[in-house]
PDB file of N, CA and C in Angstrom:
ATOM      1  N   MET A   1      20.617  53.750 -57.070  1.00  0.00           N
ATOM      2  CA  MET A   1      21.951  53.244 -56.866  1.00  0.00           C
ATOM      3  C   MET A   1      22.373  52.515 -58.148  1.00  0.00           C
ATOM      4  N   ASN A   2      23.506  52.903 -58.660  1.00  0.00           N
ATOM      5  CA  ASN A   2      23.974  52.307 -59.911  1.00  0.00           C
ATOM      6  C   ASN A   2      25.069  51.267 -59.640  1.00  0.00           C
ATOM      7  N   ALA A   3      25.533  50.666 -60.718  1.00  0.00           N
ATOM      8  CA  ALA A   3      26.538  49.611 -60.586  1.00  0.00           C
ATOM      9  C   ALA A   3      27.869  50.149 -60.066  1.00  0.00           C
ATOM     10  N   ASN A   4      28.206  51.383 -60.407  1.00  0.00           N
ATOM     11  CA  ASN A   4      29.459  51.958 -59.908  1.00  0.00           C
ATOM     12  C   ASN A   4      29.448  52.116 -58.397  1.00  0.00           C
ATOM     13  N   GLY A   5      28.311  52.486 -57.841  1.00  0.00           N
ATOM     14  CA  GLY A   5      28.199  52.616 -56.392  1.00  0.00           C
ATOM     15  C   GLY A   5      28.369  51.286 -55.688  1.00  0.00           C
ATOM     16  N   VAL A   6      27.769  50.254 -56.269  1.00  0.00           N
ATOM     17  CA  VAL A   6      27.890  48.914 -55.682  1.00  0.00           C
ATOM     18  C   VAL A   6      29.333  48.438 -55.749  1.00  0.00           C
ATOM     19  N   LEU A   7      29.970  48.643 -56.893  1.00  0.00           N
ATOM     20  CA  LEU A   7      31.372  48.232 -57.030  1.00  0.00           C
ATOM     21  C   LEU A   7      32.289  49.006 -56.098  1.00  0.00           C
ATOM     22  N   ASP A   8      32.012  50.289 -55.909  1.00  0.00           N
ATOM     23  CA  ASP A   8      32.826  51.100 -55.004  1.00  0.00           C
ATOM     24  C   ASP A   8      32.689  50.626 -53.562  1.00  0.00           C
ATOM     25  N   ILE A   9      31.464  50.338 -53.147  1.00  0.00           N
ATOM     26  CA  ILE A   9      31.249  49.836 -51.786  1.00  0.00           C
ATOM     27  C   ILE A   9      31.919  48.478 -51.604  1.00  0.00           C
ATOM     28  N   GLY A  10      31.800  47.612 -52.604  1.00  0.00           N
ATOM     29  CA  GLY A  10      32.442  46.305 -52.529  1.00  0.00           C
ATOM     30  C   GLY A  10      33.951  46.418 -52.458  1.00  0.00           C
ATOM     31  N   LEU A  11      34.518  47.319 -53.266  1.00  0.00           N
ATOM     32  CA  LEU A  11      35.968  47.521 -53.245  1.00  0.00           C
ATOM     33  C   LEU A  11      36.437  48.054 -51.904  1.00  0.00           C
ATOM     34  N   GLN A  12      35.709  49.035 -51.360  1.00  0.00           N
ATOM     35  CA  GLN A  12      36.079  49.563 -50.052  1.00  0.00           C
ATOM     36  C   GLN A  12      35.980  48.497 -48.965  1.00  0.00           C
ATOM     37  N   GLY A  13      34.943  47.660 -49.045  1.00  0.00           N
ATOM     38  CA  GLY A  13      34.789  46.581 -48.069  1.00  0.00           C
ATOM     39  C   GLY A  13      35.931  45.580 -48.144  1.00  0.00           C
ATOM     40  N   LEU A  14      36.338  45.221 -49.364  1.00  0.00           N
ATOM     41  CA  LEU A  14      37.451  44.288 -49.520  1.00  0.00           C
ATOM     42  C   LEU A  14      38.767  44.890 -49.047  1.00  0.00           C
ATOM     43  N   LEU A  15      38.969  46.179 -49.295  1.00  0.00           N
ATOM     44  CA  LEU A  15      40.198  46.828 -48.830  1.00  0.00           C
ATOM     45  C   LEU A  15      40.259  46.884 -47.306  1.00  0.00           C
ATOM     46  N   VAL A  16      39.138  47.195 -46.677  1.00  0.00           N
ATOM     47  CA  VAL A  16      39.108  47.233 -45.211  1.00  0.00           C
ATOM     48  C   VAL A  16      39.318  45.826 -44.651  1.00  0.00           C
ATOM     49  N   ALA A  17      38.699  44.832 -45.266  1.00  0.00           N
ATOM     50  CA  ALA A  17      38.889  43.447 -44.799  1.00  0.00           C
ATOM     51  C   ALA A  17      40.346  43.030 -44.946  1.00  0.00           C
ATOM     52  N   GLY A  18      40.989  43.423 -46.028  1.00  0.00           N
ATOM     53  CA  GLY A  18      42.400  43.103 -46.218  1.00  0.00           C
ATOM     54  C   GLY A  18      43.292  43.795 -45.205  1.00  0.00           C
ATOM     55  N   LYS A  19      42.997  45.080 -44.943  1.00  0.00           N
ATOM     56  CA  LYS A  19      43.792  45.808 -43.950  1.00  0.00           C
ATOM     57  C   LYS A  19      43.630  45.223 -42.564  1.00  0.00           C
ATOM     58  N   ILE A  20      42.419  44.819 -42.227  1.00  0.00           N
ATOM     59  CA  ILE A  20      42.157  44.306 -40.883  1.00  0.00           C
ATOM     60  C   ILE A  20      42.761  42.909 -40.690  1.00  0.00           C
ATOM     61  N   SER A  21      42.689  42.092 -41.718  1.00  0.00           N
ATOM     62  CA  SER A  21      43.184  40.721 -41.563  1.00  0.00           C
ATOM     63  C   SER A  21      44.695  40.598 -41.755  1.00  0.00           C
ATOM     64  N   ALA A  22      45.333  41.612 -42.319  1.00  0.00           N
ATOM     65  CA  ALA A  22      46.768  41.517 -42.622  1.00  0.00           C
ATOM     66  C   ALA A  22      47.653  41.261 -41.399  1.00  0.00           C
ATOM     67  N   PRO A  23      47.498  41.972 -40.278  1.00  0.00           N
ATOM     68  CA  PRO A  23      48.401  41.697 -39.148  1.00  0.00           C
ATOM     69  C   PRO A  23      48.303  40.271 -38.617  1.00  0.00           C
ATOM     70  N   ILE A  24      47.107  39.725 -38.575  1.00  0.00           N
ATOM     71  CA  ILE A  24      46.918  38.374 -38.066  1.00  0.00           C
ATOM     72  C   ILE A  24      47.499  37.358 -39.051  1.00  0.00           C
ATOM     73  N   LEU A  25      47.208  37.544 -40.336  1.00  0.00           N
ATOM     74  CA  LEU A  25      47.678  36.588 -41.333  1.00  0.00           C
ATOM     75  C   LEU A  25      49.194  36.618 -41.488  1.00  0.00           C
ATOM     76  N   VAL A  26      49.777  37.819 -41.455  1.00  0.00           N
ATOM     77  CA  VAL A  26      51.227  37.923 -41.583  1.00  0.00           C
ATOM     78  C   VAL A  26      51.918  37.304 -40.363  1.00  0.00           C
ATOM     79  N   THR A  27      51.363  37.527 -39.184  1.00  0.00           N
ATOM     80  CA  THR A  27      51.926  36.930 -37.968  1.00  0.00           C
ATOM     81  C   THR A  27      51.877  35.408 -38.038  1.00  0.00           C
ATOM     82  N   ALA A  28      50.730  34.872 -38.422  1.00  0.00           N
ATOM     83  CA  ALA A  28      50.611  33.412 -38.528  1.00  0.00           C
ATOM     84  C   ALA A  28      51.539  32.863 -39.602  1.00  0.00           C
ATOM     85  N   LEU A  29      51.696  33.595 -40.694  1.00  0.00           N
ATOM     86  CA  LEU A  29      52.585  33.149 -41.765  1.00  0.00           C
ATOM     87  C   LEU A  29      54.037  33.115 -41.312  1.00  0.00           C
ATOM     88  N   VAL A  30      54.490  34.172 -40.649  1.00  0.00           N
ATOM     89  CA  VAL A  30      55.881  34.249 -40.214  1.00  0.00           C
ATOM     90  C   VAL A  30      56.186  33.195 -39.155  1.00  0.00           C
ATOM     91  N   VAL A  31      55.295  33.052 -38.179  1.00  0.00           N
ATOM     92  CA  VAL A  31      55.520  32.059 -37.124  1.00  0.00           C
ATOM     93  C   VAL A  31      55.437  30.648 -37.695  1.00  0.00           C
ATOM     94  N   GLY A  32      54.488  30.406 -38.576  1.00  0.00           N
ATOM     95  CA  GLY A  32      54.378  29.091 -39.190  1.00  0.00           C
ATOM     96  C   GLY A  32      55.604  28.740 -40.015  1.00  0.00           C
ATOM     97  N   PHE A  33      56.133  29.722 -40.753  1.00  0.00           N
ATOM     98  CA  PHE A  33      57.348  29.478 -41.539  1.00  0.00           C
ATOM     99  C   PHE A  33      58.540  29.197 -40.630  1.00  0.00           C
ATOM    100  N   ALA A  34      58.658  29.960 -39.548  1.00  0.00           N
ATOM    101  CA  ALA A  34      59.779  29.751 -38.625  1.00  0.00           C
ATOM    102  C   ALA A  34      59.703  28.376 -37.967  1.00  0.00           C
ATOM    103  N   ILE A  35      58.505  27.973 -37.562  1.00  0.00           N
ATOM    104  CA  ILE A  35      58.350  26.665 -36.925  1.00  0.00           C
ATOM    105  C   ILE A  35      58.602  25.541 -37.923  1.00  0.00           C
ATOM    106  N   SER A  36      58.113  25.692 -39.155  1.00  0.00           N
ATOM    107  CA  SER A  36      58.353  24.630 -40.139  1.00  0.00           C
ATOM    108  C   SER A  36      59.826  24.559 -40.526  1.00  0.00           C
ATOM    109  N   LEU A  37      60.504  25.701 -40.538  1.00  0.00           N
ATOM    110  CA  LEU A  37      61.945  25.695 -40.790  1.00  0.00           C
ATOM    111  C   LEU A  37      62.683  24.975 -39.658  1.00  0.00           C
ATOM    112  N   LEU A  38      62.283  25.259 -38.424  1.00  0.00           N
ATOM    113  CA  LEU A  38      62.864  24.575 -37.272  1.00  0.00           C
ATOM    114  C   LEU A  38      62.583  23.077 -37.319  1.00  0.00           C
ATOM    115  N   GLN A  39      61.370  22.715 -37.704  1.00  0.00           N
ATOM    116  CA  GLN A  39      61.025  21.299 -37.795  1.00  0.00           C
ATOM    117  C   GLN A  39      61.820  20.594 -38.890  1.00  0.00           C
ATOM    118  N   SER A  40      62.044  21.274 -39.995  1.00  0.00           N
ATOM    119  CA  SER A  40      62.802  20.627 -41.064  1.00  0.00           C
ATOM    120  C   SER A  40      64.285  20.520 -40.716  1.00  0.00           C
ATOM    121  N   ILE A  41      64.796  21.458 -39.943  1.00  0.00           N
ATOM    122  CA  ILE A  41      66.204  21.388 -39.533  1.00  0.00           C
ATOM    123  C   ILE A  41      66.413  20.264 -38.525  1.00  0.00           C
ATOM    124  N   THR A  42      65.506  20.175 -37.565  1.00  0.00           N
ATOM    125  CA  THR A  42      65.666  19.169 -36.512  1.00  0.00           C
ATOM    126  C   THR A  42      64.999  17.843 -36.845  1.00  0.00           C
ATOM    127  N   GLN A  43      64.256  17.772 -37.922  1.00  0.00           N
ATOM    128  CA  GLN A  43      63.520  16.587 -38.364  1.00  0.00           C
ATOM    129  C   GLN A  43      62.518  16.095 -37.323  1.00  0.00           C
ATOM    130  N   ILE A  44      61.950  17.031 -36.590  1.00  0.00           N
ATOM    131  CA  ILE A  44      60.865  16.718 -35.658  1.00  0.00           C
ATOM    132  C   ILE A  44      59.560  17.043 -36.386  1.00  0.00           C
ATOM    133  N   GLN A  45      58.756  16.043 -36.671  1.00  0.00           N
ATOM    134  CA  GLN A  45      57.526  16.251 -37.428  1.00  0.00           C
ATOM    135  C   GLN A  45      56.312  16.072 -36.516  1.00  0.00           C
ATOM    136  N   GLU A  46      56.158  16.962 -35.586  1.00  0.00           N
ATOM    137  CA  GLU A  46      55.035  16.918 -34.658  1.00  0.00           C
ATOM    138  C   GLU A  46      54.056  18.029 -35.044  1.00  0.00           C
ATOM    139  N   VAL A  47      52.799  17.666 -35.260  1.00  0.00           N
ATOM    140  CA  VAL A  47      51.797  18.620 -35.717  1.00  0.00           C
ATOM    141  C   VAL A  47      51.485  19.646 -34.641  1.00  0.00           C
ATOM    142  N   THR A  48      51.415  19.206 -33.397  1.00  0.00           N
ATOM    143  CA  THR A  48      51.055  20.118 -32.313  1.00  0.00           C
ATOM    144  C   THR A  48      52.158  21.125 -32.005  1.00  0.00           C
ATOM    145  N   LEU A  49      53.366  20.859 -32.449  1.00  0.00           N
ATOM    146  CA  LEU A  49      54.473  21.785 -32.197  1.00  0.00           C
ATOM    147  C   LEU A  49      54.255  23.119 -32.893  1.00  0.00           C
ATOM    148  N   SER A  50      53.598  23.123 -34.031  1.00  0.00           N
ATOM    149  CA  SER A  50      53.383  24.375 -34.749  1.00  0.00           C
ATOM    150  C   SER A  50      52.139  25.108 -34.270  1.00  0.00           C
ATOM    151  N   PHE A  51      51.218  24.409 -33.632  1.00  0.00           N
ATOM    152  CA  PHE A  51      49.956  25.047 -33.250  1.00  0.00           C
ATOM    153  C   PHE A  51      50.105  26.009 -32.080  1.00  0.00           C
ATOM    154  N   VAL A  52      50.787  25.602 -31.039  1.00  0.00           N
ATOM    155  CA  VAL A  52      50.867  26.420 -29.818  1.00  0.00           C
ATOM    156  C   VAL A  52      51.598  27.743 -30.054  1.00  0.00           C
ATOM    157  N   PRO A  53      52.788  27.759 -30.672  1.00  0.00           N
ATOM    158  CA  PRO A  53      53.429  29.059 -30.913  1.00  0.00           C
ATOM    159  C   PRO A  53      52.617  29.953 -31.846  1.00  0.00           C
ATOM    160  N   LYS A  54      51.947  29.346 -32.832  1.00  0.00           N
ATOM    161  CA  LYS A  54      51.135  30.139 -33.749  1.00  0.00           C
ATOM    162  C   LYS A  54      49.928  30.740 -33.028  1.00  0.00           C
ATOM    163  N   ALA A  55      49.303  29.973 -32.153  1.00  0.00           N
ATOM    164  CA  ALA A  55      48.163  30.474 -31.381  1.00  0.00           C
ATOM    165  C   ALA A  55      48.591  31.599 -30.451  1.00  0.00           C
ATOM    166  N   ILE A  56      49.751  31.453 -29.820  1.00  0.00           N
ATOM    167  CA  ILE A  56      50.252  32.510 -28.926  1.00  0.00           C
ATOM    168  C   ILE A  56      50.577  33.767 -29.721  1.00  0.00           C
ATOM    169  N   ALA A  57      51.224  33.610 -30.876  1.00  0.00           N
ATOM    170  CA  ALA A  57      51.596  34.767 -31.684  1.00  0.00           C
ATOM    171  C   ALA A  57      50.368  35.488 -32.234  1.00  0.00           C
ATOM    172  N   VAL A  58      49.369  34.733 -32.657  1.00  0.00           N
ATOM    173  CA  VAL A  58      48.153  35.363 -33.176  1.00  0.00           C
ATOM    174  C   VAL A  58      47.402  36.084 -32.062  1.00  0.00           C
ATOM    175  N   SER A  59      47.366  35.503 -30.873  1.00  0.00           N
ATOM    176  CA  SER A  59      46.694  36.194 -29.762  1.00  0.00           C
ATOM    177  C   SER A  59      47.446  37.459 -29.361  1.00  0.00           C
ATOM    178  N   MET A  60      48.776  37.434 -29.436  1.00  0.00           N
ATOM    179  CA  MET A  60      49.547  38.654 -29.162  1.00  0.00           C
ATOM    180  C   MET A  60      49.293  39.715 -30.237  1.00  0.00           C
ATOM    181  N   ALA A  61      49.194  39.288 -31.483  1.00  0.00           N
ATOM    182  CA  ALA A  61      48.892  40.233 -32.561  1.00  0.00           C
ATOM    183  C   ALA A  61      47.502  40.842 -32.379  1.00  0.00           C
ATOM    184  N   LEU A  62      46.559  40.036 -31.915  1.00  0.00           N
ATOM    185  CA  LEU A  62      45.222  40.577 -31.637  1.00  0.00           C
ATOM    186  C   LEU A  62      45.251  41.571 -30.488  1.00  0.00           C
ATOM    187  N   LEU A  63      46.045  41.292 -29.463  1.00  0.00           N
ATOM    188  CA  LEU A  63      46.153  42.234 -28.352  1.00  0.00           C
ATOM    189  C   LEU A  63      46.796  43.547 -28.792  1.00  0.00           C
ATOM    190  N   ILE A  64      47.796  43.451 -29.646  1.00  0.00           N
ATOM    191  CA  ILE A  64      48.503  44.653 -30.081  1.00  0.00           C
ATOM    192  C   ILE A  64      47.681  45.451 -31.089  1.00  0.00           C
ATOM    193  N   CYS A  65      47.080  44.769 -32.058  1.00  0.00           N
ATOM    194  CA  CYS A  65      46.398  45.447 -33.165  1.00  0.00           C
ATOM    195  C   CYS A  65      44.885  45.526 -32.994  1.00  0.00           C
ATOM    196  N   GLY A  66      44.353  44.984 -31.920  1.00  0.00           N
ATOM    197  CA  GLY A  66      42.908  44.921 -31.758  1.00  0.00           C
ATOM    198  C   GLY A  66      42.220  46.275 -31.761  1.00  0.00           C
ATOM    199  N   HIS A  67      42.792  47.233 -31.053  1.00  0.00           N
ATOM    200  CA  HIS A  67      42.181  48.565 -30.989  1.00  0.00           C
ATOM    201  C   HIS A  67      42.158  49.219 -32.365  1.00  0.00           C
ATOM    202  N   TRP A  68      43.248  49.092 -33.093  1.00  0.00           N
ATOM    203  CA  TRP A  68      43.302  49.656 -34.441  1.00  0.00           C
ATOM    204  C   TRP A  68      42.291  48.975 -35.362  1.00  0.00           C
ATOM    205  N   MET A  69      42.149  47.664 -35.238  1.00  0.00           N
ATOM    206  CA  MET A  69      41.207  46.934 -36.082  1.00  0.00           C
ATOM    207  C   MET A  69      39.775  47.377 -35.821  1.00  0.00           C
ATOM    208  N   ILE A  70      39.429  47.552 -34.562  1.00  0.00           N
ATOM    209  CA  ILE A  70      38.080  47.995 -34.221  1.00  0.00           C
ATOM    210  C   ILE A  70      37.843  49.416 -34.708  1.00  0.00           C
ATOM    211  N   SER A  71      38.838  50.295 -34.555  1.00  0.00           N
ATOM    212  CA  SER A  71      38.648  51.680 -35.009  1.00  0.00           C
ATOM    213  C   SER A  71      38.522  51.760 -36.527  1.00  0.00           C
ATOM    214  N   GLU A  72      39.220  50.892 -37.264  1.00  0.00           N
ATOM    215  CA  GLU A  72      39.062  50.843 -38.725  1.00  0.00           C
ATOM    216  C   GLU A  72      37.653  50.400 -39.107  1.00  0.00           C
ATOM    217  N   MET A  73      37.135  49.397 -38.421  1.00  0.00           N
ATOM    218  CA  MET A  73      35.783  48.928 -38.719  1.00  0.00           C
ATOM    219  C   MET A  73      34.737  49.974 -38.375  1.00  0.00           C
ATOM    220  N   VAL A  74      34.927  50.676 -37.268  1.00  0.00           N
ATOM    221  CA  VAL A  74      33.983  51.721 -36.881  1.00  0.00           C
ATOM    222  C   VAL A  74      34.019  52.867 -37.896  1.00  0.00           C
ATOM    223  N   ALA A  75      35.212  53.246 -38.343  1.00  0.00           N
ATOM    224  CA  ALA A  75      35.321  54.305 -39.349  1.00  0.00           C
ATOM    225  C   ALA A  75      34.660  53.894 -40.656  1.00  0.00           C
ATOM    226  N   PHE A  76      34.843  52.647 -41.071  1.00  0.00           N
ATOM    227  CA  PHE A  76      34.209  52.162 -42.292  1.00  0.00           C
ATOM    228  C   PHE A  76      32.694  52.148 -42.145  1.00  0.00           C
ATOM    229  N   THR A  77      32.214  51.703 -40.995  1.00  0.00           N
ATOM    230  CA  THR A  77      30.770  51.661 -40.760  1.00  0.00           C
ATOM    231  C   THR A  77      30.182  53.062 -40.759  1.00  0.00           C
ATOM    232  N   HIS A  78      30.864  54.021 -40.131  1.00  0.00           N
ATOM    233  CA  HIS A  78      30.390  55.405 -40.143  1.00  0.00           C
ATOM    234  C   HIS A  78      30.365  55.958 -41.567  1.00  0.00           C
ATOM    235  N   ALA A  79      31.379  55.649 -42.347  1.00  0.00           N
ATOM    236  CA  ALA A  79      31.415  56.120 -43.735  1.00  0.00           C
ATOM    237  C   ALA A  79      30.264  55.529 -44.540  1.00  0.00           C
ATOM    238  N   MET A  80      29.932  54.279 -44.292  1.00  0.00           N
ATOM    239  CA  MET A  80      28.819  53.654 -45.014  1.00  0.00           C
ATOM    240  C   MET A  80      27.488  54.256 -44.588  1.00  0.00           C
ATOM    241  N   PHE A  81      27.319  54.514 -43.288  1.00  0.00           N
ATOM    242  CA  PHE A  81      26.082  55.142 -42.836  1.00  0.00           C
ATOM    243  C   PHE A  81      25.960  56.579 -43.343  1.00  0.00           C
ATOM    244  N   ASP A  82      27.077  57.299 -43.422  1.00  0.00           N
ATOM    245  CA  ASP A  82      27.042  58.654 -43.962  1.00  0.00           C
ATOM    246  C   ASP A  82      26.724  58.662 -45.454  1.00  0.00           C
ATOM    247  N   ARG A  83      26.989  57.562 -46.111  1.00  0.00           N
ATOM    248  CA  ARG A  83      26.782  57.470 -47.554  1.00  0.00           C
ATOM    249  C   ARG A  83      25.361  57.060 -47.931  1.00  0.00           C
ATOM    250  N   ILE A  84      24.549  56.636 -46.979  1.00  0.00           N
ATOM    251  CA  ILE A  84      23.191  56.152 -47.259  1.00  0.00           C
ATOM    252  C   ILE A  84      22.341  57.178 -48.004  1.00  0.00           C
ATOM    253  N   PRO A  85      22.297  58.464 -47.579  1.00  0.00           N
ATOM    254  CA  PRO A  85      21.442  59.410 -48.320  1.00  0.00           C
ATOM    255  C   PRO A  85      21.839  59.584 -49.794  1.00  0.00           C
ATOM    256  N   SER A  86      23.124  59.581 -50.080  1.00  0.00           N
ATOM    257  CA  SER A  86      23.525  59.731 -51.476  1.00  0.00           C
ATOM    258  C   SER A  86      23.220  58.470 -52.283  1.00  0.00           C
ATOM    259  N   LEU A  87      23.231  57.318 -51.636  1.00  0.00           N
ATOM    260  CA  LEU A  87      22.908  56.085 -52.338  1.00  0.00           C
ATOM    261  C   LEU A  87      21.417  55.991 -52.656  1.00  0.00           C
ATOM    262  N   LEU A  88      20.600  56.594 -51.813  1.00  0.00           N
ATOM    263  CA  LEU A  88      19.167  56.580 -52.041  1.00  0.00           C
ATOM    264  C   LEU A  88      18.715  57.685 -52.985  1.00  0.00           C
ATOM    265  N   GLY A  89      19.641  58.537 -53.385  1.00  0.00           N
ATOM    266  CA  GLY A  89      19.309  59.597 -54.334  1.00  0.00           C
ATOM    267  C   GLY A  89      18.863  60.893 -53.678  1.00  0.00           C
ATOM    268  N   GLY A  90      19.014  61.013 -52.383  1.00  0.00           N
ATOM    269  CA  GLY A  90      18.578  62.218 -51.702  1.00  0.00           C
ATOM    270  C   GLY A  90      19.668  63.256 -51.537  1.00  0.00           C
ATOM    271  N   GLY A  91      20.928  62.921 -51.808  1.00  0.00           N
ATOM    272  CA  GLY A  91      21.990  63.877 -51.527  1.00  0.00           C
ATOM    273  C   GLY A  91      22.900  63.948 -52.632  1.00  0.00           C
TER     274      GLY A  91
END
């Protein structure tokens, strides 16, 4: 196994991690921005006000995107297992 193989596996892992985490992070970002905008307009500075809507939105995003996230991870894992013989020099 050479350095290019290691870098390729690392790059693929980072890309899959980015794809999987994007729906959750974008949802939390959008809801957090909306709540902070509402707080700045109304001048209500309550910390717990931003937590509950963000938690609900993230859980909804997990319910909606959960199946896709699991299938992406399974596909990546299968690709890595299929790649084992070539990494060991047998294929």
